[in-house]
Amino acid sequence: MSEKPQQGIADTWRKKIEMIGIDLKGLEQDDESEERIKLKTTLINQNLINELDKIGLQLINIKATFGGKLIVLLEPKVLT
């Protein structure tokens, strides 16, 4: 019997983020929080932030690196 490995939270969002049109350089789970993900990209603007919001991801923080990449910290929105 082969068991399917459990997918991480970053893997569940990868396809949706790619469909928005974000230049995805990396996507991984945040070390500090199991629910947050780190998105690595070269460009983020208000339109892309709005699209992330539409698919259910909330912007937490944006950091720039010396290599010209952006690290965008995201978290799934909690519906109340």
PDB file of N, CA and C in Angstrom:
ATOM      1  N   MET A   1       0.830  -1.180   0.000  1.00  0.00           N
ATOM      2  CA  MET A   1       0.000   0.000   0.000  1.00  0.00           C
ATOM      3  C   MET A   1       0.876   1.246   0.000  1.00  0.00           C
ATOM      4  N   SER A   2       0.558   2.141  -0.860  1.00  0.00           N
ATOM      5  CA  SER A   2       1.299   3.401  -0.891  1.00  0.00           C
ATOM      6  C   SER A   2       0.386   4.516  -0.393  1.00  0.00           C
ATOM      7  N   GLU A   3       0.893   5.258   0.580  1.00  0.00           N
ATOM      8  CA  GLU A   3       0.125   6.360   1.119  1.00  0.00           C
ATOM      9  C   GLU A   3       0.546   7.658   0.455  1.00  0.00           C
ATOM     10  N   LYS A   4      -0.416   8.480   0.145  1.00  0.00           N
ATOM     11  CA  LYS A   4      -0.125   9.773  -0.450  1.00  0.00           C
ATOM     12  C   LYS A   4       0.429  10.689   0.636  1.00  0.00           C
ATOM     13  N   PRO A   5       1.598  11.312   0.414  1.00  0.00           N
ATOM     14  CA  PRO A   5       2.129  12.207   1.437  1.00  0.00           C
ATOM     15  C   PRO A   5       1.203  13.407   1.661  1.00  0.00           C
ATOM     16  N   GLN A   6       1.117  13.830   2.910  1.00  0.00           N
ATOM     17  CA  GLN A   6       0.243  14.952   3.244  1.00  0.00           C
ATOM     18  C   GLN A   6       0.786  16.234   2.630  1.00  0.00           C
ATOM     19  N   GLN A   7      -0.068  16.965   1.942  1.00  0.00           N
ATOM     20  CA  GLN A   7       0.330  18.211   1.306  1.00  0.00           C
ATOM     21  C   GLN A   7       0.411  19.321   2.339  1.00  0.00           C
ATOM     22  N   GLY A   8       1.409  20.179   2.196  1.00  0.00           N
ATOM     23  CA  GLY A   8       1.525  21.343   3.062  1.00  0.00           C
ATOM     24  C   GLY A   8       0.592  22.433   2.595  1.00  0.00           C
ATOM     25  N   ILE A   9       0.439  23.429   3.431  1.00  0.00           N
ATOM     26  CA  ILE A   9      -0.463  24.537   3.095  1.00  0.00           C
ATOM     27  C   ILE A   9       0.017  25.294   1.864  1.00  0.00           C
ATOM     28  N   ALA A  10       1.338  25.387   1.670  1.00  0.00           N
ATOM     29  CA  ALA A  10       1.876  26.093   0.503  1.00  0.00           C
ATOM     30  C   ALA A  10       1.498  25.373  -0.786  1.00  0.00           C
ATOM     31  N   ASP A  11       1.498  24.055  -0.758  1.00  0.00           N
ATOM     32  CA  ASP A  11       1.157  23.285  -1.954  1.00  0.00           C
ATOM     33  C   ASP A  11      -0.306  23.462  -2.347  1.00  0.00           C
ATOM     34  N   THR A  12      -1.172  23.652  -1.366  1.00  0.00           N
ATOM     35  CA  THR A  12      -2.593  23.806  -1.674  1.00  0.00           C
ATOM     36  C   THR A  12      -2.891  25.144  -2.348  1.00  0.00           C
ATOM     37  N   TRP A  13      -2.054  26.147  -2.104  1.00  0.00           N
ATOM     38  CA  TRP A  13      -2.276  27.477  -2.688  1.00  0.00           C
ATOM     39  C   TRP A  13      -1.488  27.715  -3.962  1.00  0.00           C
ATOM     40  N   ARG A  14      -0.507  26.893  -4.263  1.00  0.00           N
ATOM     41  CA  ARG A  14       0.390  27.116  -5.412  1.00  0.00           C
ATOM     42  C   ARG A  14      -0.369  27.298  -6.728  1.00  0.00           C
ATOM     43  N   LYS A  15      -1.273  26.421  -7.042  1.00  0.00           N
ATOM     44  CA  LYS A  15      -2.003  26.472  -8.315  1.00  0.00           C
ATOM     45  C   LYS A  15      -2.836  27.754  -8.435  1.00  0.00           C
ATOM     46  N   LYS A  16      -3.526  28.121  -7.351  1.00  0.00           N
ATOM     47  CA  LYS A  16      -4.358  29.326  -7.384  1.00  0.00           C
ATOM     48  C   LYS A  16      -3.507  30.574  -7.582  1.00  0.00           C
ATOM     49  N   ILE A  17      -2.352  30.626  -6.921  1.00  0.00           N
ATOM     50  CA  ILE A  17      -1.469  31.788  -7.047  1.00  0.00           C
ATOM     51  C   ILE A  17      -0.900  31.869  -8.462  1.00  0.00           C
ATOM     52  N   GLU A  18      -0.538  30.744  -9.044  1.00  0.00           N
ATOM     53  CA  GLU A  18      -0.028  30.733 -10.418  1.00  0.00           C
ATOM     54  C   GLU A  18      -1.087  31.198 -11.406  1.00  0.00           C
ATOM     55  N   MET A  19      -2.358  30.870 -11.147  1.00  0.00           N
ATOM     56  CA  MET A  19      -3.438  31.252 -12.052  1.00  0.00           C
ATOM     57  C   MET A  19      -3.680  32.764 -12.057  1.00  0.00           C
ATOM     58  N   ILE A  20      -3.335  33.442 -10.965  1.00  0.00           N
ATOM     59  CA  ILE A  20      -3.479  34.901 -10.896  1.00  0.00           C
ATOM     60  C   ILE A  20      -2.504  35.566 -11.855  1.00  0.00           C
ATOM     61  N   GLY A  21      -1.356  34.952 -12.060  1.00  0.00           N
ATOM     62  CA  GLY A  21      -0.353  35.535 -12.947  1.00  0.00           C
ATOM     63  C   GLY A  21       0.846  36.091 -12.213  1.00  0.00           C
ATOM     64  N   ILE A  22       1.003  35.736 -10.947  1.00  0.00           N
ATOM     65  CA  ILE A  22       2.161  36.180 -10.172  1.00  0.00           C
ATOM     66  C   ILE A  22       3.377  35.378 -10.616  1.00  0.00           C
ATOM     67  N   ASP A  23       4.506  36.086 -10.815  1.00  0.00           N
ATOM     68  CA  ASP A  23       5.769  35.443 -11.177  1.00  0.00           C
ATOM     69  C   ASP A  23       6.310  34.745  -9.933  1.00  0.00           C
ATOM     70  N   LEU A  24       5.965  33.491  -9.777  1.00  0.00           N
ATOM     71  CA  LEU A  24       6.268  32.719  -8.577  1.00  0.00           C
ATOM     72  C   LEU A  24       7.709  32.212  -8.612  1.00  0.00           C
ATOM     73  N   LYS A  25       8.538  32.717  -7.706  1.00  0.00           N
ATOM     74  CA  LYS A  25       9.927  32.274  -7.590  1.00  0.00           C
ATOM     75  C   LYS A  25      10.090  31.232  -6.495  1.00  0.00           C
ATOM     76  N   GLY A  26       9.146  31.202  -5.569  1.00  0.00           N
ATOM     77  CA  GLY A  26       9.186  30.235  -4.479  1.00  0.00           C
ATOM     78  C   GLY A  26       7.950  30.372  -3.615  1.00  0.00           C
ATOM     79  N   LEU A  27       7.561  29.271  -2.995  1.00  0.00           N
ATOM     80  CA  LEU A  27       6.412  29.263  -2.108  1.00  0.00           C
ATOM     81  C   LEU A  27       6.672  28.223  -1.036  1.00  0.00           C
ATOM     82  N   GLU A  28       6.692  28.654   0.211  1.00  0.00           N
ATOM     83  CA  GLU A  28       6.975  27.727   1.295  1.00  0.00           C
ATOM     84  C   GLU A  28       6.197  28.124   2.535  1.00  0.00           C
ATOM     85  N   GLN A  29       6.088  27.179   3.424  1.00  0.00           N
ATOM     86  CA  GLN A  29       5.391  27.426   4.680  1.00  0.00           C
ATOM     87  C   GLN A  29       6.298  28.246   5.595  1.00  0.00           C
ATOM     88  N   ASP A  30       5.715  29.204   6.312  1.00  0.00           N
ATOM     89  CA  ASP A  30       6.461  30.049   7.236  1.00  0.00           C
ATOM     90  C   ASP A  30       6.906  29.216   8.438  1.00  0.00           C
ATOM     91  N   ASP A  31       8.115  29.483   8.908  1.00  0.00           N
ATOM     92  CA  ASP A  31       8.670  28.739  10.043  1.00  0.00           C
ATOM     93  C   ASP A  31       7.957  29.067  11.354  1.00  0.00           C
ATOM     94  N   GLU A  32       7.480  30.297  11.496  1.00  0.00           N
ATOM     95  CA  GLU A  32       6.886  30.731  12.753  1.00  0.00           C
ATOM     96  C   GLU A  32       5.420  30.331  12.908  1.00  0.00           C
ATOM     97  N   SER A  33       4.706  30.207  11.814  1.00  0.00           N
ATOM     98  CA  SER A  33       3.278  29.886  11.870  1.00  0.00           C
ATOM     99  C   SER A  33       2.965  28.826  10.822  1.00  0.00           C
ATOM    100  N   GLU A  34       2.221  27.818  11.220  1.00  0.00           N
ATOM    101  CA  GLU A  34       1.885  26.734  10.300  1.00  0.00           C
ATOM    102  C   GLU A  34       0.909  27.168   9.217  1.00  0.00           C
ATOM    103  N   GLU A  35       0.114  28.189   9.477  1.00  0.00           N
ATOM    104  CA  GLU A  35      -0.893  28.618   8.513  1.00  0.00           C
ATOM    105  C   GLU A  35      -0.389  29.640   7.517  1.00  0.00           C
ATOM    106  N   ARG A  36       0.679  30.344   7.837  1.00  0.00           N
ATOM    107  CA  ARG A  36       1.199  31.391   6.953  1.00  0.00           C
ATOM    108  C   ARG A  36       2.142  30.808   5.912  1.00  0.00           C
ATOM    109  N   ILE A  37       2.167  31.463   4.749  1.00  0.00           N
ATOM    110  CA  ILE A  37       3.067  31.039   3.684  1.00  0.00           C
ATOM    111  C   ILE A  37       3.909  32.220   3.212  1.00  0.00           C
ATOM    112  N   LYS A  38       5.118  31.903   2.756  1.00  0.00           N
ATOM    113  CA  LYS A  38       6.015  32.906   2.196  1.00  0.00           C
ATOM    114  C   LYS A  38       6.025  32.751   0.686  1.00  0.00           C
ATOM    115  N   LEU A  39       5.661  33.809   0.009  1.00  0.00           N
ATOM    116  CA  LEU A  39       5.651  33.859  -1.442  1.00  0.00           C
ATOM    117  C   LEU A  39       6.846  34.677  -1.893  1.00  0.00           C
ATOM    118  N   LYS A  40       7.701  34.110  -2.736  1.00  0.00           N
ATOM    119  CA  LYS A  40       8.847  34.838  -3.270  1.00  0.00           C
ATOM    120  C   LYS A  40       8.554  35.185  -4.718  1.00  0.00           C
ATOM    121  N   THR A  41       8.680  36.475  -5.038  1.00  0.00           N
ATOM    122  CA  THR A  41       8.345  36.980  -6.362  1.00  0.00           C
ATOM    123  C   THR A  41       9.223  38.183  -6.686  1.00  0.00           C
ATOM    124  N   THR A  42       9.109  38.673  -7.912  1.00  0.00           N
ATOM    125  CA  THR A  42       9.868  39.861  -8.304  1.00  0.00           C
ATOM    126  C   THR A  42       8.985  41.092  -8.404  1.00  0.00           C
ATOM    127  N   LEU A  43       7.662  40.904  -8.415  1.00  0.00           N
ATOM    128  CA  LEU A  43       6.748  42.030  -8.574  1.00  0.00           C
ATOM    129  C   LEU A  43       5.474  41.773  -7.788  1.00  0.00           C
ATOM    130  N   ILE A  44       5.039  42.785  -7.072  1.00  0.00           N
ATOM    131  CA  ILE A  44       3.737  42.732  -6.418  1.00  0.00           C
ATOM    132  C   ILE A  44       3.154  44.147  -6.483  1.00  0.00           C
ATOM    133  N   ASN A  45       1.903  44.249  -6.858  1.00  0.00           N
ATOM    134  CA  ASN A  45       1.255  45.553  -6.919  1.00  0.00           C
ATOM    135  C   ASN A  45      -0.161  45.438  -6.343  1.00  0.00           C
ATOM    136  N   GLN A  46      -0.865  46.541  -6.305  1.00  0.00           N
ATOM    137  CA  GLN A  46      -2.187  46.548  -5.685  1.00  0.00           C
ATOM    138  C   GLN A  46      -3.155  45.608  -6.401  1.00  0.00           C
ATOM    139  N   ASN A  47      -3.056  45.493  -7.713  1.00  0.00           N
ATOM    140  CA  ASN A  47      -3.924  44.595  -8.465  1.00  0.00           C
ATOM    141  C   ASN A  47      -3.694  43.143  -8.037  1.00  0.00           C
ATOM    142  N   LEU A  48      -2.435  42.753  -7.898  1.00  0.00           N
ATOM    143  CA  LEU A  48      -2.130  41.383  -7.485  1.00  0.00           C
ATOM    144  C   LEU A  48      -2.550  41.137  -6.037  1.00  0.00           C
ATOM    145  N   ILE A  49      -2.412  42.138  -5.193  1.00  0.00           N
ATOM    146  CA  ILE A  49      -2.860  42.013  -3.803  1.00  0.00           C
ATOM    147  C   ILE A  49      -4.379  41.823  -3.763  1.00  0.00           C
ATOM    148  N   ASN A  50      -5.097  42.557  -4.597  1.00  0.00           N
ATOM    149  CA  ASN A  50      -6.559  42.394  -4.678  1.00  0.00           C
ATOM    150  C   ASN A  50      -6.934  40.996  -5.163  1.00  0.00           C
ATOM    151  N   GLU A  51      -6.188  40.477  -6.125  1.00  0.00           N
ATOM    152  CA  GLU A  51      -6.462  39.122  -6.630  1.00  0.00           C
ATOM    153  C   GLU A  51      -6.180  38.065  -5.557  1.00  0.00           C
ATOM    154  N   LEU A  52      -5.124  38.256  -4.782  1.00  0.00           N
ATOM    155  CA  LEU A  52      -4.838  37.342  -3.669  1.00  0.00           C
ATOM    156  C   LEU A  52      -5.984  37.363  -2.666  1.00  0.00           C
ATOM    157  N   ASP A  53      -6.515  38.539  -2.411  1.00  0.00           N
ATOM    158  CA  ASP A  53      -7.642  38.685  -1.498  1.00  0.00           C
ATOM    159  C   ASP A  53      -8.868  37.935  -2.017  1.00  0.00           C
ATOM    160  N   LYS A  54      -9.101  37.995  -3.313  1.00  0.00           N
ATOM    161  CA  LYS A  54     -10.256  37.315  -3.914  1.00  0.00           C
ATOM    162  C   LYS A  54     -10.178  35.800  -3.779  1.00  0.00           C
ATOM    163  N   ILE A  55      -8.964  35.238  -3.820  1.00  0.00           N
ATOM    164  CA  ILE A  55      -8.846  33.776  -3.694  1.00  0.00           C
ATOM    165  C   ILE A  55      -8.765  33.327  -2.239  1.00  0.00           C
ATOM    166  N   GLY A  56      -8.743  34.306  -1.302  1.00  0.00           N
ATOM    167  CA  GLY A  56      -8.802  33.942   0.113  1.00  0.00           C
ATOM    168  C   GLY A  56      -7.499  34.071   0.871  1.00  0.00           C
ATOM    169  N   LEU A  57      -6.544  34.826   0.341  1.00  0.00           N
ATOM    170  CA  LEU A  57      -5.275  35.039   1.041  1.00  0.00           C
ATOM    171  C   LEU A  57      -5.159  36.489   1.486  1.00  0.00           C
ATOM    172  N   GLN A  58      -4.727  36.665   2.704  1.00  0.00           N
ATOM    173  CA  GLN A  58      -4.598  37.989   3.306  1.00  0.00           C
ATOM    174  C   GLN A  58      -3.128  38.358   3.401  1.00  0.00           C
ATOM    175  N   LEU A  59      -2.780  39.563   2.969  1.00  0.00           N
ATOM    176  CA  LEU A  59      -1.410  40.062   3.030  1.00  0.00           C
ATOM    177  C   LEU A  59      -1.058  40.411   4.469  1.00  0.00           C
ATOM    178  N   ILE A  60       0.098  39.915   4.932  1.00  0.00           N
ATOM    179  CA  ILE A  60       0.567  40.210   6.283  1.00  0.00           C
ATOM    180  C   ILE A  60       1.755  41.164   6.233  1.00  0.00           C
ATOM    181  N   ASN A  61       2.731  40.887   5.349  1.00  0.00           N
ATOM    182  CA  ASN A  61       3.962  41.666   5.313  1.00  0.00           C
ATOM    183  C   ASN A  61       4.647  41.484   3.960  1.00  0.00           C
ATOM    184  N   ILE A  62       5.411  42.500   3.551  1.00  0.00           N
ATOM    185  CA  ILE A  62       6.236  42.416   2.343  1.00  0.00           C
ATOM    186  C   ILE A  62       7.649  42.853   2.716  1.00  0.00           C
ATOM    187  N   LYS A  63       8.640  42.053   2.350  1.00  0.00           N
ATOM    188  CA  LYS A  63      10.043  42.393   2.579  1.00  0.00           C
ATOM    189  C   LYS A  63      10.786  42.304   1.257  1.00  0.00           C
ATOM    190  N   ALA A  64      11.764  43.173   1.074  1.00  0.00           N
ATOM    191  CA  ALA A  64      12.601  43.143  -0.127  1.00  0.00           C
ATOM    192  C   ALA A  64      13.958  42.536   0.229  1.00  0.00           C
ATOM    193  N   THR A  65      14.583  41.844  -0.741  1.00  0.00           N
ATOM    194  CA  THR A  65      15.917  41.287  -0.543  1.00  0.00           C
ATOM    195  C   THR A  65      16.889  42.048  -1.427  1.00  0.00           C
ATOM    196  N   PHE A  66      18.172  41.866  -1.165  1.00  0.00           N
ATOM    197  CA  PHE A  66      19.185  42.533  -1.971  1.00  0.00           C
ATOM    198  C   PHE A  66      19.214  41.992  -3.398  1.00  0.00           C
ATOM    199  N   GLY A  67      18.753  40.790  -3.603  1.00  0.00           N
ATOM    200  CA  GLY A  67      18.743  40.193  -4.928  1.00  0.00           C
ATOM    201  C   GLY A  67      17.603  40.659  -5.818  1.00  0.00           C
ATOM    202  N   GLY A  68      16.810  41.603  -5.363  1.00  0.00           N
ATOM    203  CA  GLY A  68      15.713  42.123  -6.178  1.00  0.00           C
ATOM    204  C   GLY A  68      14.430  41.320  -6.058  1.00  0.00           C
ATOM    205  N   LYS A  69      14.356  40.397  -5.108  1.00  0.00           N
ATOM    206  CA  LYS A  69      13.137  39.620  -4.908  1.00  0.00           C
ATOM    207  C   LYS A  69      12.356  40.174  -3.735  1.00  0.00           C
ATOM    208  N   LEU A  70      11.084  39.880  -3.729  1.00  0.00           N
ATOM    209  CA  LEU A  70      10.198  40.267  -2.638  1.00  0.00           C
ATOM    210  C   LEU A  70       9.729  39.012  -1.926  1.00  0.00           C
ATOM    211  N   ILE A  71       9.669  39.088  -0.620  1.00  0.00           N
ATOM    212  CA  ILE A  71       9.114  37.998   0.176  1.00  0.00           C
ATOM    213  C   ILE A  71       7.804  38.509   0.755  1.00  0.00           C
ATOM    214  N   VAL A  72       6.715  37.907   0.323  1.00  0.00           N
ATOM    215  CA  VAL A  72       5.373  38.332   0.711  1.00  0.00           C
ATOM    216  C   VAL A  72       4.821  37.293   1.679  1.00  0.00           C
ATOM    217  N   LEU A  73       4.500  37.726   2.894  1.00  0.00           N
ATOM    218  CA  LEU A  73       3.947  36.837   3.905  1.00  0.00           C
ATOM    219  C   LEU A  73       2.429  36.881   3.802  1.00  0.00           C
ATOM    220  N   LEU A  74       1.823  35.724   3.602  1.00  0.00           N
ATOM    221  CA  LEU A  74       0.377  35.619   3.396  1.00  0.00           C
ATOM    222  C   LEU A  74      -0.235  34.665   4.405  1.00  0.00           C
ATOM    223  N   GLU A  75      -1.532  34.826   4.622  1.00  0.00           N
ATOM    224  CA  GLU A  75      -2.258  33.965   5.547  1.00  0.00           C
ATOM    225  C   GLU A  75      -3.669  33.762   5.003  1.00  0.00           C
ATOM    226  N   PRO A  76      -4.199  32.553   5.085  1.00  0.00           N
ATOM    227  CA  PRO A  76      -5.588  32.363   4.653  1.00  0.00           C
ATOM    228  C   PRO A  76      -6.530  33.203   5.491  1.00  0.00           C
ATOM    229  N   LYS A  77      -7.517  33.820   4.824  1.00  0.00           N
ATOM    230  CA  LYS A  77      -8.493  34.653   5.535  1.00  0.00           C
ATOM    231  C   LYS A  77      -9.418  33.755   6.338  1.00  0.00           C
ATOM    232  N   VAL A  78      -9.785  34.261   7.516  1.00  0.00           N
ATOM    233  CA  VAL A  78     -10.728  33.552   8.371  1.00  0.00           C
ATOM    234  C   VAL A  78     -12.105  34.123   8.114  1.00  0.00           C
ATOM    235  N   LEU A  79     -13.014  33.276   7.688  1.00  0.00           N
ATOM    236  CA  LEU A  79     -14.378  33.711   7.406  1.00  0.00           C
ATOM    237  C   LEU A  79     -15.181  33.705   8.691  1.00  0.00           C
ATOM    238  N   THR A  80     -15.809  34.816   9.002  1.00  0.00           N
ATOM    239  CA  THR A  80     -16.618  34.891  10.228  1.00  0.00           C
ATOM    240  C   THR A  80     -18.071  35.082   9.911  1.00  0.00           C
TER     241      THR A  80
END
